[in-house]
């Protein structure tokens, strides 16, 4: 089952500057503040800052659709024209993510909580 978009990750070059900007925009302190990721929560939405995103080829923000199981929708999306951009990876706490592109080159992701 797909429960919609709950996470948006922004690739950033200057994590400190981006953290200050998004903290001002969102009006809240980050719940995760590490050199490899800064995350903010507003209700059931997560906004993350990834200082490695550009180096990993992420051109802009990535929206993540939360699904119960990555494998079924991943297969269906590839059959209908999506290209898998990254391998499935565990980003901590058993949370799995994968990024894809649609036929127009737009990047989106799937995430699965353990």
N, C-alpha and C. Protein backbone atom coordinates (compact mmCIF):
# COMPACT_ATOMS: atom_id res chain seq x y z
N UNK A 1 0.84 -1.18 0.00
CA UNK A 1 0.00 0.00 0.00
C UNK A 1 0.88 1.24 0.00
N UNK A 2 0.47 2.25 -0.72
CA UNK A 2 1.18 3.52 -0.79
C UNK A 2 0.44 4.51 0.10
N UNK A 3 1.14 5.11 1.06
CA UNK A 3 0.49 6.06 1.95
C UNK A 3 0.84 7.51 1.60
N UNK A 4 1.39 7.72 0.41
CA UNK A 4 1.65 9.08 -0.07
C UNK A 4 3.04 9.58 0.31
N UNK A 5 3.24 10.84 0.02
CA UNK A 5 4.53 11.48 0.28
C UNK A 5 4.58 11.94 1.72
N UNK A 6 5.59 11.46 2.44
CA UNK A 6 5.80 11.90 3.82
C UNK A 6 7.19 12.47 4.02
N UNK A 7 8.06 12.33 3.00
CA UNK A 7 9.45 12.75 3.15
C UNK A 7 9.91 13.47 1.90
N UNK A 8 10.61 14.60 2.11
CA UNK A 8 11.27 15.31 1.03
C UNK A 8 12.71 15.53 1.48
N UNK A 9 13.66 15.10 0.64
CA UNK A 9 15.08 15.25 0.95
C UNK A 9 15.69 16.24 -0.03
N UNK A 10 16.38 17.23 0.52
CA UNK A 10 17.05 18.24 -0.29
C UNK A 10 18.55 17.97 -0.29
N UNK A 11 19.18 17.88 -1.48
CA UNK A 11 20.63 17.81 -1.51
C UNK A 11 21.18 19.22 -1.26
N UNK A 12 22.17 19.34 -0.40
CA UNK A 12 22.72 20.66 -0.06
C UNK A 12 24.25 20.61 -0.10
N UNK A 13 24.85 21.75 -0.40
CA UNK A 13 26.30 21.85 -0.39
C UNK A 13 26.83 22.34 0.95
N UNK A 14 26.15 23.30 1.55
CA UNK A 14 26.57 23.86 2.83
C UNK A 14 25.52 23.49 3.88
N UNK A 15 25.80 22.42 4.63
CA UNK A 15 24.82 21.88 5.58
C UNK A 15 24.46 22.91 6.65
N UNK A 16 25.44 23.64 7.16
CA UNK A 16 25.17 24.64 8.21
C UNK A 16 24.25 25.74 7.73
N UNK A 17 24.52 26.26 6.55
CA UNK A 17 23.69 27.32 5.99
C UNK A 17 22.28 26.79 5.70
N UNK A 18 22.21 25.61 5.10
CA UNK A 18 20.90 25.02 4.79
C UNK A 18 20.10 24.75 6.07
N UNK A 19 20.77 24.26 7.10
CA UNK A 19 20.09 23.98 8.38
C UNK A 19 19.48 25.25 8.93
N UNK A 20 20.22 26.35 8.93
CA UNK A 20 19.71 27.62 9.44
C UNK A 20 18.52 28.10 8.62
N UNK A 21 18.62 27.99 7.30
CA UNK A 21 17.54 28.43 6.43
C UNK A 21 16.27 27.62 6.66
N UNK A 22 16.38 26.28 6.66
CA UNK A 22 15.18 25.45 6.83
C UNK A 22 14.64 25.51 8.26
N UNK A 23 15.50 25.74 9.22
CA UNK A 23 15.02 25.93 10.59
C UNK A 23 14.16 27.20 10.65
N UNK A 24 14.60 28.27 9.98
CA UNK A 24 13.81 29.50 9.94
C UNK A 24 12.52 29.29 9.16
N UNK A 25 12.59 28.59 8.04
CA UNK A 25 11.40 28.34 7.22
C UNK A 25 10.37 27.49 7.96
N UNK A 26 10.83 26.40 8.58
CA UNK A 26 9.92 25.45 9.22
C UNK A 26 9.55 25.82 10.64
N UNK A 27 10.33 26.70 11.27
CA UNK A 27 10.02 27.16 12.63
C UNK A 27 10.20 26.09 13.68
N UNK A 28 11.14 25.18 13.47
CA UNK A 28 11.37 24.11 14.43
C UNK A 28 12.84 23.69 14.40
N UNK A 29 13.28 23.09 15.49
CA UNK A 29 14.63 22.55 15.58
C UNK A 29 14.68 21.19 14.88
N UNK A 30 15.83 20.82 14.35
CA UNK A 30 15.93 19.48 13.75
C UNK A 30 15.83 18.39 14.82
N UNK A 31 15.23 17.28 14.47
CA UNK A 31 15.19 16.14 15.39
C UNK A 31 16.40 15.25 15.18
N UNK A 32 17.05 15.36 14.02
CA UNK A 32 18.32 14.70 13.73
C UNK A 32 19.26 15.79 13.25
N UNK A 33 20.44 15.87 13.86
CA UNK A 33 21.41 16.90 13.49
C UNK A 33 22.79 16.26 13.48
N UNK A 34 23.11 15.62 12.37
CA UNK A 34 24.37 14.90 12.21
C UNK A 34 25.11 15.42 10.98
N UNK A 35 26.41 15.20 10.89
CA UNK A 35 27.16 15.67 9.73
C UNK A 35 26.69 15.05 8.41
N UNK A 36 26.04 13.89 8.46
CA UNK A 36 25.60 13.20 7.26
C UNK A 36 24.13 13.42 6.94
N UNK A 37 23.35 14.08 7.84
CA UNK A 37 21.92 14.28 7.62
C UNK A 37 21.35 15.18 8.70
N UNK A 38 20.51 16.11 8.29
CA UNK A 38 19.73 16.93 9.22
C UNK A 38 18.28 16.74 8.85
N UNK A 39 17.46 16.37 9.85
CA UNK A 39 16.05 16.10 9.58
C UNK A 39 15.13 16.92 10.47
N UNK A 40 14.07 17.42 9.86
CA UNK A 40 13.04 18.18 10.56
C UNK A 40 11.72 17.44 10.40
N UNK A 41 10.87 17.54 11.41
CA UNK A 41 9.52 16.96 11.32
C UNK A 41 8.48 18.04 11.60
N UNK A 42 7.47 18.04 10.76
CA UNK A 42 6.28 18.87 10.96
C UNK A 42 5.09 17.93 10.80
N UNK A 43 4.43 17.60 11.89
CA UNK A 43 3.35 16.63 11.83
C UNK A 43 3.89 15.30 11.34
N UNK A 44 3.29 14.74 10.28
CA UNK A 44 3.79 13.48 9.74
C UNK A 44 4.71 13.69 8.53
N UNK A 45 5.14 14.93 8.31
CA UNK A 45 6.05 15.24 7.21
C UNK A 45 7.49 15.33 7.71
N UNK A 46 8.42 14.79 6.92
CA UNK A 46 9.84 14.92 7.22
C UNK A 46 10.51 15.68 6.09
N UNK A 47 11.34 16.63 6.48
CA UNK A 47 12.15 17.40 5.55
C UNK A 47 13.60 17.16 5.92
N UNK A 48 14.37 16.61 4.98
CA UNK A 48 15.74 16.26 5.28
C UNK A 48 16.72 17.01 4.41
N UNK A 49 17.92 17.21 4.95
CA UNK A 49 19.02 17.85 4.24
C UNK A 49 20.14 16.83 4.10
N UNK A 50 20.55 16.57 2.87
CA UNK A 50 21.57 15.56 2.59
C UNK A 50 22.81 16.23 1.99
N UNK A 51 23.89 16.33 2.77
CA UNK A 51 25.10 16.97 2.25
C UNK A 51 25.84 16.13 1.21
N UNK A 52 25.43 14.90 0.99
CA UNK A 52 26.06 14.04 -0.01
C UNK A 52 25.22 13.88 -1.27
N UNK A 53 24.05 14.49 -1.29
CA UNK A 53 23.12 14.29 -2.39
C UNK A 53 23.66 14.68 -3.75
N UNK A 54 24.26 15.86 -3.86
CA UNK A 54 24.77 16.30 -5.16
C UNK A 54 25.89 15.38 -5.65
N UNK A 55 26.76 14.95 -4.75
CA UNK A 55 27.85 14.05 -5.13
C UNK A 55 27.32 12.69 -5.58
N UNK A 56 26.13 12.31 -5.10
CA UNK A 56 25.53 11.04 -5.49
C UNK A 56 24.65 11.19 -6.73
N UNK A 57 24.66 12.38 -7.33
CA UNK A 57 23.92 12.60 -8.57
C UNK A 57 22.50 13.09 -8.41
N UNK A 58 22.11 13.52 -7.22
CA UNK A 58 20.75 14.02 -6.99
C UNK A 58 20.70 15.48 -7.41
N UNK A 59 19.94 15.81 -8.46
CA UNK A 59 19.94 17.18 -8.98
C UNK A 59 19.08 18.16 -8.17
N UNK A 60 18.14 17.67 -7.41
CA UNK A 60 17.24 18.55 -6.66
C UNK A 60 16.48 17.75 -5.62
N UNK A 61 15.46 18.36 -5.01
CA UNK A 61 14.70 17.66 -3.97
C UNK A 61 14.09 16.36 -4.48
N UNK A 62 14.05 15.37 -3.60
CA UNK A 62 13.45 14.08 -3.93
C UNK A 62 12.29 13.84 -2.98
N UNK A 63 11.12 13.57 -3.55
CA UNK A 63 9.95 13.20 -2.75
C UNK A 63 9.94 11.68 -2.61
N UNK A 64 9.67 11.22 -1.40
CA UNK A 64 9.63 9.78 -1.14
C UNK A 64 8.20 9.37 -0.81
N UNK A 65 7.71 8.41 -1.58
CA UNK A 65 6.40 7.81 -1.34
C UNK A 65 6.60 6.65 -0.39
N UNK A 66 5.85 6.64 0.70
CA UNK A 66 5.98 5.58 1.69
C UNK A 66 5.11 4.39 1.29
N UNK A 67 5.75 3.23 1.23
CA UNK A 67 5.07 2.00 0.83
C UNK A 67 5.32 0.92 1.88
N UNK A 68 4.45 -0.09 1.89
CA UNK A 68 4.61 -1.19 2.84
C UNK A 68 5.77 -2.11 2.47
N UNK A 69 5.99 -2.30 1.15
CA UNK A 69 7.04 -3.20 0.67
C UNK A 69 7.58 -2.63 -0.63
N UNK A 70 8.87 -2.36 -0.71
CA UNK A 70 9.47 -1.75 -1.89
C UNK A 70 9.40 -2.62 -3.14
N UNK A 71 9.53 -3.91 -2.99
CA UNK A 71 9.74 -4.78 -4.14
C UNK A 71 8.57 -4.79 -5.12
N UNK A 72 7.34 -4.87 -4.64
CA UNK A 72 6.19 -4.93 -5.54
C UNK A 72 6.04 -3.64 -6.35
N UNK A 73 5.98 -2.46 -5.71
CA UNK A 73 5.82 -1.25 -6.52
C UNK A 73 7.06 -0.97 -7.38
N UNK A 74 8.24 -1.33 -6.91
CA UNK A 74 9.46 -1.12 -7.69
C UNK A 74 9.38 -1.89 -9.01
N UNK A 75 8.96 -3.13 -8.95
CA UNK A 75 8.81 -3.93 -10.17
C UNK A 75 7.76 -3.36 -11.11
N UNK A 76 6.62 -2.97 -10.56
CA UNK A 76 5.55 -2.41 -11.40
C UNK A 76 5.98 -1.09 -12.04
N UNK A 77 6.69 -0.25 -11.27
CA UNK A 77 7.14 1.03 -11.81
C UNK A 77 8.16 0.84 -12.93
N UNK A 78 9.06 -0.11 -12.76
CA UNK A 78 10.04 -0.38 -13.82
C UNK A 78 9.35 -0.91 -15.07
N UNK A 79 8.33 -1.73 -14.91
CA UNK A 79 7.58 -2.26 -16.06
C UNK A 79 6.85 -1.15 -16.82
N UNK A 80 6.50 -0.07 -16.13
CA UNK A 80 5.73 1.00 -16.77
C UNK A 80 6.59 2.19 -17.16
N UNK A 81 7.92 2.03 -17.18
CA UNK A 81 8.77 3.08 -17.73
C UNK A 81 9.69 3.80 -16.78
N UNK A 82 9.63 3.50 -15.49
CA UNK A 82 10.55 4.13 -14.55
C UNK A 82 11.91 3.44 -14.63
N UNK A 83 12.96 4.22 -14.39
CA UNK A 83 14.31 3.67 -14.34
C UNK A 83 14.82 3.75 -12.91
N UNK A 84 15.36 2.66 -12.43
CA UNK A 84 15.89 2.64 -11.08
C UNK A 84 17.21 3.41 -11.07
N UNK A 85 17.30 4.45 -10.23
CA UNK A 85 18.48 5.30 -10.18
C UNK A 85 19.48 4.82 -9.14
N UNK A 86 19.01 4.22 -8.05
CA UNK A 86 19.90 3.77 -6.99
C UNK A 86 19.52 2.37 -6.56
N UNK A 87 20.43 1.73 -5.88
CA UNK A 87 20.14 0.44 -5.27
C UNK A 87 19.29 0.67 -4.03
N UNK A 88 18.54 -0.34 -3.62
CA UNK A 88 17.83 -0.26 -2.34
C UNK A 88 18.87 -0.21 -1.24
N UNK A 89 18.73 0.75 -0.33
CA UNK A 89 19.70 0.85 0.76
C UNK A 89 19.01 1.16 2.08
N UNK A 90 19.62 0.68 3.14
CA UNK A 90 19.16 0.93 4.50
C UNK A 90 19.79 2.22 4.96
N UNK A 91 18.98 3.22 5.29
CA UNK A 91 19.50 4.52 5.71
C UNK A 91 19.47 4.68 7.23
N UNK A 92 19.27 3.59 7.94
CA UNK A 92 19.30 3.62 9.40
C UNK A 92 17.98 3.16 9.98
N UNK A 93 18.08 2.41 11.05
CA UNK A 93 16.89 1.95 11.74
C UNK A 93 16.03 1.01 10.92
N UNK A 94 16.61 0.40 9.90
CA UNK A 94 15.85 -0.52 9.06
C UNK A 94 15.02 0.15 7.99
N UNK A 95 15.10 1.47 7.86
CA UNK A 95 14.36 2.18 6.82
C UNK A 95 15.07 1.97 5.49
N UNK A 96 14.32 1.47 4.50
CA UNK A 96 14.86 1.20 3.18
C UNK A 96 14.38 2.26 2.20
N UNK A 97 15.28 2.70 1.32
CA UNK A 97 14.92 3.68 0.30
C UNK A 97 15.51 3.27 -1.04
N UNK A 98 14.87 3.75 -2.10
CA UNK A 98 15.37 3.57 -3.46
C UNK A 98 14.88 4.78 -4.26
N UNK A 99 15.71 5.25 -5.21
CA UNK A 99 15.28 6.35 -6.06
C UNK A 99 15.14 5.87 -7.49
N UNK A 100 14.20 6.51 -8.19
CA UNK A 100 13.89 6.19 -9.58
C UNK A 100 13.73 7.48 -10.36
N UNK A 101 13.68 7.36 -11.69
CA UNK A 101 13.32 8.49 -12.53
C UNK A 101 12.15 8.06 -13.41
N UNK A 102 11.27 9.01 -13.68
CA UNK A 102 10.20 8.74 -14.62
C UNK A 102 10.74 8.95 -16.04
N UNK A 103 9.97 8.66 -17.09
CA UNK A 103 10.48 8.81 -18.45
C UNK A 103 10.93 10.23 -18.81
N UNK A 104 10.48 11.23 -18.05
CA UNK A 104 10.88 12.61 -18.31
C UNK A 104 12.10 13.03 -17.49
N UNK A 105 12.67 12.11 -16.72
CA UNK A 105 13.87 12.41 -15.94
C UNK A 105 13.61 12.95 -14.54
N UNK A 106 12.35 13.01 -14.12
CA UNK A 106 12.03 13.49 -12.77
C UNK A 106 12.39 12.40 -11.77
N UNK A 107 13.08 12.81 -10.70
CA UNK A 107 13.53 11.87 -9.68
C UNK A 107 12.47 11.79 -8.58
N UNK A 108 12.18 10.55 -8.14
CA UNK A 108 11.31 10.33 -6.99
C UNK A 108 11.82 9.09 -6.27
N UNK A 109 11.34 8.88 -5.08
CA UNK A 109 11.81 7.73 -4.31
C UNK A 109 10.67 6.97 -3.66
N UNK A 110 11.03 5.76 -3.22
CA UNK A 110 10.14 4.93 -2.41
C UNK A 110 10.85 4.70 -1.09
N UNK A 111 10.11 4.66 -0.01
CA UNK A 111 10.70 4.34 1.29
C UNK A 111 9.80 3.33 1.99
N UNK A 112 10.46 2.46 2.75
CA UNK A 112 9.76 1.42 3.50
C UNK A 112 10.30 1.42 4.92
N UNK A 113 9.42 1.56 5.88
CA UNK A 113 9.80 1.46 7.29
C UNK A 113 9.87 -0.01 7.66
N UNK A 114 10.80 -0.35 8.55
CA UNK A 114 10.91 -1.76 8.96
C UNK A 114 9.83 -2.11 9.95
